[in-house]
Amino acid sequence: MDKIMDKISPLLSYFHREGHKFILGFGAVTMLFYLLGLDILGVVGLILTIWCAYFFRDPERVTPVKAGLVISPADGVVQSVCMAVPPQELELGDELRTRVSVFMNVFDVHVNRVPIDGVIVKQVYTPGKFLNASLEKASVDNERHSLLLKATSGKQYAFVQIAGLVARRILCWAEDGKEYKAGERFGLIRFGSRVDIYLPKGVHSMVCVGQRAVAGETVIANEKTKENDREGEIR
């Protein structure tokens, strides 16, 4: 068994550790189907194993290193850029902030990353519903994990992991009081969901609705520019 694991471990290193048990489980069941001569079920199992591995992939990212850059915390499509009140549990008041929402489907990388250099000062888990994460009310009604970060500039950023219709498990290993660099991994959501980020006053979005964002790489805002929120069009 040890020799088998020695060969499997390098293959699993590309996938997040939270997915190892699922990948191995699907793989073991698939092998059992084939050993029992249940080829059709074996094919189904193989497809599910490949999808499971694909879901839990955790590729390295090249994060732009420059003071004031705000990086996307999630892979996926920019679903909305609007003015909204940040989560009440973070006690940031009722003043509207620019909110950028990134929707992750079941084929996106689901490892979440810290959006800007700073210190986590507060985080709150809130139980809730499992509505489609693309709905506006999902930001209020759905299960979520909200984090507040004080950037090195002193500005405060709120970002929220939101469970979706399929997602039933939010994982967050960020630690209060710990300093993080932009692009560092802080959590994961299984299996399709959304991440919202609330920008402080005076910081505007540099992404457009419908644009694809890459966690740890796509610049979604810049503290040092006075450019207004961007608009885009399909071409």
C-alpha atoms as a PDB file:
ATOM      1  CA  MET A   1       0.000   0.000   0.000  1.00  0.00           C
ATOM      2  CA  ASP A   2       2.827   2.398   0.868  1.00  0.00           C
ATOM      3  CA  LYS A   3       4.403   1.870  -2.563  1.00  0.00           C
ATOM      4  CA  ILE A   4       1.052   2.573  -4.257  1.00  0.00           C
ATOM      5  CA  MET A   5       0.603   5.794  -2.246  1.00  0.00           C
ATOM      6  CA  ASP A   6       4.168   6.859  -3.102  1.00  0.00           C
ATOM      7  CA  LYS A   7       3.192   6.733  -6.768  1.00  0.00           C
ATOM      8  CA  ILE A   8      -0.200   8.382  -6.295  1.00  0.00           C
ATOM      9  CA  SER A   9       0.956  11.256  -4.046  1.00  0.00           C
ATOM     10  CA  PRO A  10       2.817  13.205  -6.777  1.00  0.00           C
ATOM     11  CA  LEU A  11      -0.293  13.005  -8.975  1.00  0.00           C
ATOM     12  CA  LEU A  12      -2.498  14.313  -6.160  1.00  0.00           C
ATOM     13  CA  SER A  13      -0.203  17.286  -5.503  1.00  0.00           C
ATOM     14  CA  TYR A  14      -1.838  19.208  -8.371  1.00  0.00           C
ATOM     15  CA  PHE A  15      -5.197  18.973  -6.618  1.00  0.00           C
ATOM     16  CA  HIS A  16      -6.179  20.620  -3.370  1.00  0.00           C
ATOM     17  CA  ARG A  17      -5.818  18.378  -0.314  1.00  0.00           C
ATOM     18  CA  GLU A  18      -9.527  18.796   0.483  1.00  0.00           C
ATOM     19  CA  GLY A  19     -10.291  16.884  -2.710  1.00  0.00           C
ATOM     20  CA  HIS A  20      -7.932  13.952  -2.231  1.00  0.00           C
ATOM     21  CA  LYS A  21     -10.446  11.802  -0.351  1.00  0.00           C
ATOM     22  CA  PHE A  22     -13.132  12.456  -2.972  1.00  0.00           C
ATOM     23  CA  ILE A  23     -10.832  11.689  -5.915  1.00  0.00           C
ATOM     24  CA  LEU A  24      -9.534   8.497  -4.317  1.00  0.00           C
ATOM     25  CA  GLY A  25     -13.059   7.483  -3.301  1.00  0.00           C
ATOM     26  CA  PHE A  26     -14.473   7.927  -6.807  1.00  0.00           C
ATOM     27  CA  GLY A  27     -11.436   6.128  -8.225  1.00  0.00           C
ATOM     28  CA  ALA A  28     -11.792   3.173  -5.857  1.00  0.00           C
ATOM     29  CA  VAL A  29     -15.497   2.733  -6.647  1.00  0.00           C
ATOM     30  CA  THR A  30     -14.740   2.926 -10.377  1.00  0.00           C
ATOM     31  CA  MET A  31     -12.117   0.193 -10.088  1.00  0.00           C
ATOM     32  CA  LEU A  32     -14.569  -1.961  -8.131  1.00  0.00           C
ATOM     33  CA  PHE A  33     -17.178  -1.608 -10.885  1.00  0.00           C
ATOM     34  CA  TYR A  34     -14.660  -2.803 -13.486  1.00  0.00           C
ATOM     35  CA  LEU A  35     -13.498  -5.703 -11.302  1.00  0.00           C
ATOM     36  CA  LEU A  36     -17.120  -6.806 -10.933  1.00  0.00           C
ATOM     37  CA  GLY A  37     -17.593  -6.650 -14.691  1.00  0.00           C
ATOM     38  CA  LEU A  38     -19.989  -3.688 -14.476  1.00  0.00           C
ATOM     39  CA  ASP A  39     -18.430  -1.870 -17.408  1.00  0.00           C
ATOM     40  CA  ILE A  40     -21.227   0.647 -17.959  1.00  0.00           C
ATOM     41  CA  LEU A  41     -21.110   1.740 -14.326  1.00  0.00           C
ATOM     42  CA  GLY A  42     -17.333   1.744 -14.624  1.00  0.00           C
ATOM     43  CA  VAL A  43     -17.511   4.271 -17.478  1.00  0.00           C
ATOM     44  CA  VAL A  44     -19.870   6.453 -15.440  1.00  0.00           C
ATOM     45  CA  GLY A  45     -17.536   6.189 -12.466  1.00  0.00           C
ATOM     46  CA  LEU A  46     -14.534   7.103 -14.613  1.00  0.00           C
ATOM     47  CA  ILE A  47     -16.283  10.217 -15.919  1.00  0.00           C
ATOM     48  CA  LEU A  48     -17.226  11.244 -12.373  1.00  0.00           C
ATOM     49  CA  THR A  49     -13.679  10.603 -11.151  1.00  0.00           C
ATOM     50  CA  ILE A  50     -12.223  12.794 -13.896  1.00  0.00           C
ATOM     51  CA  TRP A  51     -14.746  15.543 -13.147  1.00  0.00           C
ATOM     52  CA  CYS A  52     -14.025  15.335  -9.419  1.00  0.00           C
ATOM     53  CA  ALA A  53     -10.286  15.662 -10.031  1.00  0.00           C
ATOM     54  CA  TYR A  54     -10.897  18.566 -12.407  1.00  0.00           C
ATOM     55  CA  PHE A  55     -13.048  20.338  -9.822  1.00  0.00           C
ATOM     56  CA  PHE A  56     -10.413  20.167  -7.093  1.00  0.00           C
ATOM     57  CA  ARG A  57      -7.484  21.312  -9.225  1.00  0.00           C
ATOM     58  CA  ASP A  58      -5.356  23.934  -7.508  1.00  0.00           C
ATOM     59  CA  PRO A  59      -2.975  25.479 -10.057  1.00  0.00           C
ATOM     60  CA  GLU A  60      -0.265  27.977  -9.193  1.00  0.00           C
ATOM     61  CA  ARG A  61      -1.054  31.581 -10.109  1.00  0.00           C
ATOM     62  CA  VAL A  62       1.158  34.566 -10.952  1.00  0.00           C
ATOM     63  CA  THR A  63      -0.116  37.429  -8.790  1.00  0.00           C
ATOM     64  CA  PRO A  64       0.746  41.016  -9.820  1.00  0.00           C
ATOM     65  CA  VAL A  65       2.896  42.512  -7.060  1.00  0.00           C
ATOM     66  CA  LYS A  66       2.188  46.221  -6.661  1.00  0.00           C
ATOM     67  CA  ALA A  67       0.883  48.226  -3.710  1.00  0.00           C
ATOM     68  CA  GLY A  68      -2.804  49.043  -3.958  1.00  0.00           C
ATOM     69  CA  LEU A  69      -3.814  46.379  -6.472  1.00  0.00           C
ATOM     70  CA  VAL A  70      -6.965  44.428  -5.639  1.00  0.00           C
ATOM     71  CA  ILE A  71      -6.916  40.934  -7.128  1.00  0.00           C
ATOM     72  CA  SER A  72      -9.889  38.699  -7.871  1.00  0.00           C
ATOM     73  CA  PRO A  73     -10.560  36.295  -4.985  1.00  0.00           C
ATOM     74  CA  ALA A  74     -12.235  33.733  -7.271  1.00  0.00           C
ATOM     75  CA  ASP A  75     -12.241  32.188 -10.731  1.00  0.00           C
ATOM     76  CA  GLY A  76     -15.392  32.702 -12.763  1.00  0.00           C
ATOM     77  CA  VAL A  77     -17.572  35.262 -14.485  1.00  0.00           C
ATOM     78  CA  VAL A  78     -18.031  38.761 -13.114  1.00  0.00           C
ATOM     79  CA  GLN A  79     -21.754  38.512 -12.508  1.00  0.00           C
ATOM     80  CA  SER A  80     -22.390  42.025 -11.272  1.00  0.00           C
ATOM     81  CA  VAL A  81     -20.723  45.298 -10.352  1.00  0.00           C
ATOM     82  CA  CYS A  82     -23.125  47.373  -8.281  1.00  0.00           C
ATOM     83  CA  MET A  83     -23.576  49.476  -5.165  1.00  0.00           C
ATOM     84  CA  ALA A  84     -24.605  47.444  -2.125  1.00  0.00           C
ATOM     85  CA  VAL A  85     -24.536  47.456   1.672  1.00  0.00           C
ATOM     86  CA  PRO A  86     -21.811  45.160   3.053  1.00  0.00           C
ATOM     87  CA  PRO A  87     -22.818  42.189   5.243  1.00  0.00           C
ATOM     88  CA  GLN A  88     -24.333  43.396   8.503  1.00  0.00           C
ATOM     89  CA  GLU A  89     -22.351  40.857  10.516  1.00  0.00           C
ATOM     90  CA  LEU A  90     -19.117  42.707   9.693  1.00  0.00           C
ATOM     91  CA  GLU A  91     -20.498  45.923  11.236  1.00  0.00           C
ATOM     92  CA  LEU A  92     -19.317  48.243   8.475  1.00  0.00           C
ATOM     93  CA  GLY A  93     -22.463  50.357   8.577  1.00  0.00           C
ATOM     94  CA  ASP A  94     -25.122  50.962   5.936  1.00  0.00           C
ATOM     95  CA  GLU A  95     -23.099  53.081   3.528  1.00  0.00           C
ATOM     96  CA  LEU A  96     -23.191  51.691   0.004  1.00  0.00           C
ATOM     97  CA  ARG A  97     -19.985  50.258  -1.449  1.00  0.00           C
ATOM     98  CA  THR A  98     -19.053  49.002  -4.882  1.00  0.00           C
ATOM     99  CA  ARG A  99     -19.595  45.244  -4.840  1.00  0.00           C
ATOM    100  CA  VAL A 100     -17.977  42.953  -7.396  1.00  0.00           C
ATOM    101  CA  SER A 101     -19.539  39.480  -7.572  1.00  0.00           C
ATOM    102  CA  VAL A 102     -17.708  36.562  -9.210  1.00  0.00           C
ATOM    103  CA  PHE A 103     -19.818  33.488  -9.959  1.00  0.00           C
ATOM    104  CA  MET A 104     -18.118  30.082 -10.049  1.00  0.00           C
ATOM    105  CA  ASN A 105     -19.751  27.238 -11.948  1.00  0.00           C
ATOM    106  CA  VAL A 106     -18.941  23.580 -11.287  1.00  0.00           C
ATOM    107  CA  PHE A 107     -16.109  23.639 -13.844  1.00  0.00           C
ATOM    108  CA  ASP A 108     -14.210  26.588 -12.369  1.00  0.00           C
ATOM    109  CA  VAL A 109     -11.326  26.363  -9.908  1.00  0.00           C
ATOM    110  CA  HIS A 110     -12.943  26.748  -6.479  1.00  0.00           C
ATOM    111  CA  VAL A 111      -9.907  27.666  -4.398  1.00  0.00           C
ATOM    112  CA  ASN A 112     -10.345  31.245  -3.135  1.00  0.00           C
ATOM    113  CA  ARG A 113      -7.532  33.761  -2.703  1.00  0.00           C
ATOM    114  CA  VAL A 114      -6.938  36.879  -0.623  1.00  0.00           C
ATOM    115  CA  PRO A 115      -7.643  40.010  -2.736  1.00  0.00           C
ATOM    116  CA  ILE A 116      -5.087  42.455  -1.288  1.00  0.00           C
ATOM    117  CA  ASP A 117      -2.178  42.615   1.158  1.00  0.00           C
ATOM    118  CA  GLY A 118      -3.403  43.077   4.710  1.00  0.00           C
ATOM    119  CA  VAL A 119      -4.552  41.579   7.993  1.00  0.00           C
ATOM    120  CA  ILE A 120      -7.760  39.643   8.625  1.00  0.00           C
ATOM    121  CA  VAL A 121      -9.472  41.531  11.448  1.00  0.00           C
ATOM    122  CA  LYS A 122     -12.804  39.709  11.574  1.00  0.00           C
ATOM    123  CA  GLN A 123     -14.682  36.781  10.077  1.00  0.00           C
ATOM    124  CA  VAL A 124     -18.216  35.520  10.621  1.00  0.00           C
ATOM    125  CA  TYR A 125     -19.977  32.371   9.443  1.00  0.00           C
ATOM    126  CA  THR A 126     -23.705  32.848   8.775  1.00  0.00           C
ATOM    127  CA  PRO A 127     -25.991  29.832   8.139  1.00  0.00           C
ATOM    128  CA  GLY A 128     -28.654  30.265   5.490  1.00  0.00           C
ATOM    129  CA  LYS A 129     -30.351  28.938   2.391  1.00  0.00           C
ATOM    130  CA  PHE A 130     -28.857  27.318  -0.722  1.00  0.00           C
ATOM    131  CA  LEU A 131     -30.466  29.410  -3.454  1.00  0.00           C
ATOM    132  CA  ASN A 132     -28.889  29.751  -6.886  1.00  0.00           C
ATOM    133  CA  ALA A 133     -25.786  31.862  -6.206  1.00  0.00           C
ATOM    134  CA  SER A 134     -26.438  33.926  -9.339  1.00  0.00           C
ATOM    135  CA  LEU A 135     -29.528  35.462  -7.712  1.00  0.00           C
ATOM    136  CA  GLU A 136     -29.175  38.902  -6.137  1.00  0.00           C
ATOM    137  CA  LYS A 137     -30.830  37.783  -2.886  1.00  0.00           C
ATOM    138  CA  ALA A 138     -28.229  35.036  -2.456  1.00  0.00           C
ATOM    139  CA  SER A 139     -25.868  37.619  -0.929  1.00  0.00           C
ATOM    140  CA  VAL A 140     -28.310  38.059   1.971  1.00  0.00           C
ATOM    141  CA  ASP A 141     -30.239  34.778   2.195  1.00  0.00           C
ATOM    142  CA  ASN A 142     -27.602  32.125   1.465  1.00  0.00           C
ATOM    143  CA  GLU A 143     -25.136  30.452   3.773  1.00  0.00           C
ATOM    144  CA  ARG A 144     -21.966  32.516   3.739  1.00  0.00           C
ATOM    145  CA  HIS A 145     -18.607  33.184   5.356  1.00  0.00           C
ATOM    146  CA  SER A 146     -17.761  36.888   5.581  1.00  0.00           C
ATOM    147  CA  LEU A 147     -14.259  38.248   6.128  1.00  0.00           C
ATOM    148  CA  LEU A 148     -12.997  41.751   6.888  1.00  0.00           C
ATOM    149  CA  LEU A 149      -9.456  42.668   5.931  1.00  0.00           C
ATOM    150  CA  LYS A 150      -7.516  45.816   6.782  1.00  0.00           C
ATOM    151  CA  ALA A 151      -5.172  46.516   3.887  1.00  0.00           C
ATOM    152  CA  THR A 152      -1.684  47.924   4.358  1.00  0.00           C
ATOM    153  CA  SER A 153      -3.119  51.245   3.160  1.00  0.00           C
ATOM    154  CA  GLY A 154      -5.514  51.250   6.114  1.00  0.00           C
ATOM    155  CA  LYS A 155      -8.587  50.725   3.919  1.00  0.00           C
ATOM    156  CA  GLN A 156     -11.047  47.989   4.849  1.00  0.00           C
ATOM    157  CA  TYR A 157     -12.214  45.313   2.414  1.00  0.00           C
ATOM    158  CA  ALA A 158     -15.044  42.874   2.940  1.00  0.00           C
ATOM    159  CA  PHE A 159     -15.173  39.660   0.941  1.00  0.00           C
ATOM    160  CA  VAL A 160     -17.728  36.893   1.244  1.00  0.00           C
ATOM    161  CA  GLN A 161     -17.822  33.224   0.290  1.00  0.00           C
ATOM    162  CA  ILE A 162     -21.419  32.388  -0.639  1.00  0.00           C
ATOM    163  CA  ALA A 163     -22.814  28.864  -0.932  1.00  0.00           C
ATOM    164  CA  GLY A 164     -24.922  28.097  -3.995  1.00  0.00           C
ATOM    165  CA  LEU A 165     -27.567  25.695  -5.220  1.00  0.00           C
ATOM    166  CA  VAL A 166     -25.086  22.819  -5.433  1.00  0.00           C
ATOM    167  CA  ALA A 167     -22.440  24.055  -3.000  1.00  0.00           C
ATOM    168  CA  ARG A 168     -23.052  22.675   0.473  1.00  0.00           C
ATOM    169  CA  ARG A 169     -19.715  23.223   2.135  1.00  0.00           C
ATOM    170  CA  ILE A 170     -17.756  26.436   2.685  1.00  0.00           C
ATOM    171  CA  LEU A 171     -14.182  25.963   3.852  1.00  0.00           C
ATOM    172  CA  CYS A 172     -12.141  28.857   5.230  1.00  0.00           C
ATOM    173  CA  TRP A 173      -8.784  28.521   6.937  1.00  0.00           C
ATOM    174  CA  ALA A 174      -7.965  32.242   7.248  1.00  0.00           C
ATOM    175  CA  GLU A 175      -6.855  33.267  10.744  1.00  0.00           C
ATOM    176  CA  ASP A 176      -7.854  36.447  12.555  1.00  0.00           C
ATOM    177  CA  GLY A 177      -4.906  38.756  13.161  1.00  0.00           C
ATOM    178  CA  LYS A 178      -2.746  37.058  10.552  1.00  0.00           C
ATOM    179  CA  GLU A 179      -1.147  39.046   7.756  1.00  0.00           C
ATOM    180  CA  TYR A 180      -1.754  37.786   4.209  1.00  0.00           C
ATOM    181  CA  LYS A 181      -0.382  38.647   0.801  1.00  0.00           C
ATOM    182  CA  ALA A 182      -2.641  39.164  -2.193  1.00  0.00           C
ATOM    183  CA  GLY A 183      -3.128  35.879  -4.029  1.00  0.00           C
ATOM    184  CA  GLU A 184      -2.608  33.620  -1.009  1.00  0.00           C
ATOM    185  CA  ARG A 185      -5.148  30.825  -0.651  1.00  0.00           C
ATOM    186  CA  PHE A 186      -7.654  31.293   2.156  1.00  0.00           C
ATOM    187  CA  GLY A 187     -10.593  28.985   1.386  1.00  0.00           C
ATOM    188  CA  LEU A 188     -12.574  26.733  -0.923  1.00  0.00           C
ATOM    189  CA  ILE A 189     -16.247  26.138  -1.704  1.00  0.00           C
ATOM    190  CA  ARG A 190     -17.798  22.871  -2.892  1.00  0.00           C
ATOM    191  CA  PHE A 191     -19.368  22.650  -5.632  1.00  0.00           C
ATOM    192  CA  GLY A 192     -20.534  25.854  -7.386  1.00  0.00           C
ATOM    193  CA  SER A 193     -20.904  29.213  -5.733  1.00  0.00           C
ATOM    194  CA  ARG A 194     -19.972  32.894  -5.606  1.00  0.00           C
ATOM    195  CA  VAL A 195     -17.550  35.300  -3.958  1.00  0.00           C
ATOM    196  CA  ASP A 196     -18.424  38.955  -3.373  1.00  0.00           C
ATOM    197  CA  ILE A 197     -15.902  41.684  -2.606  1.00  0.00           C
ATOM    198  CA  TYR A 198     -16.926  45.084  -1.252  1.00  0.00           C
ATOM    199  CA  LEU A 199     -14.531  47.878  -2.163  1.00  0.00           C
ATOM    200  CA  PRO A 200     -13.929  50.820   0.195  1.00  0.00           C
ATOM    201  CA  LYS A 201     -15.115  54.304  -0.707  1.00  0.00           C
ATOM    202  CA  GLY A 202     -13.085  55.847  -3.508  1.00  0.00           C
ATOM    203  CA  VAL A 203     -11.894  52.523  -4.923  1.00  0.00           C
ATOM    204  CA  HIS A 204     -13.588  51.666  -8.214  1.00  0.00           C
ATOM    205  CA  SER A 205     -13.995  48.453 -10.165  1.00  0.00           C
ATOM    206  CA  MET A 206     -11.710  47.798 -13.150  1.00  0.00           C
ATOM    207  CA  VAL A 207     -13.662  44.772 -14.411  1.00  0.00           C
ATOM    208  CA  CYS A 208     -16.842  44.544 -16.457  1.00  0.00           C
ATOM    209  CA  VAL A 209     -19.941  42.409 -16.089  1.00  0.00           C
ATOM    210  CA  GLY A 210     -19.525  39.246 -18.159  1.00  0.00           C
ATOM    211  CA  GLN A 211     -15.735  39.328 -18.006  1.00  0.00           C
ATOM    212  CA  ARG A 212     -13.923  36.206 -16.806  1.00  0.00           C
ATOM    213  CA  ALA A 213     -11.777  36.619 -13.736  1.00  0.00           C
ATOM    214  CA  VAL A 214      -8.874  34.460 -12.591  1.00  0.00           C
ATOM    215  CA  ALA A 215      -8.286  34.164  -8.852  1.00  0.00           C
ATOM    216  CA  GLY A 216      -4.914  35.494  -7.805  1.00  0.00           C
ATOM    217  CA  GLU A 217      -4.237  37.103 -11.198  1.00  0.00           C
ATOM    218  CA  THR A 218      -7.024  39.369 -12.500  1.00  0.00           C
ATOM    219  CA  VAL A 219      -6.796  42.950 -11.219  1.00  0.00           C
ATOM    220  CA  ILE A 220     -10.315  44.045 -10.245  1.00  0.00           C
ATOM    221  CA  ALA A 221      -9.449  47.420  -8.685  1.00  0.00           C
ATOM    222  CA  ASN A 222      -6.566  49.757  -7.868  1.00  0.00           C
ATOM    223  CA  GLU A 223      -6.423  51.972  -4.791  1.00  0.00           C
ATOM    224  CA  LYS A 224      -4.147  54.413  -6.569  1.00  0.00           C
ATOM    225  CA  THR A 225      -6.324  55.230  -9.581  1.00  0.00           C
ATOM    226  CA  LYS A 226      -9.294  57.590  -9.727  1.00  0.00           C
ATOM    227  CA  GLU A 227     -10.815  55.875 -12.743  1.00  0.00           C
ATOM    228  CA  ASN A 228     -14.578  55.305 -12.479  1.00  0.00           C
ATOM    229  CA  ASP A 229     -16.139  51.831 -12.707  1.00  0.00           C
ATOM    230  CA  ARG A 230     -15.511  50.348 -16.148  1.00  0.00           C
ATOM    231  CA  GLU A 231     -18.139  49.358 -18.663  1.00  0.00           C
ATOM    232  CA  GLY A 232     -17.729  46.701 -21.336  1.00  0.00           C
ATOM    233  CA  GLU A 233     -19.455  45.330 -24.404  1.00  0.00           C
ATOM    234  CA  ILE A 234     -19.413  42.014 -26.226  1.00  0.00           C
ATOM    235  CA  ARG A 235     -17.466  42.109 -29.483  1.00  0.00           C
END
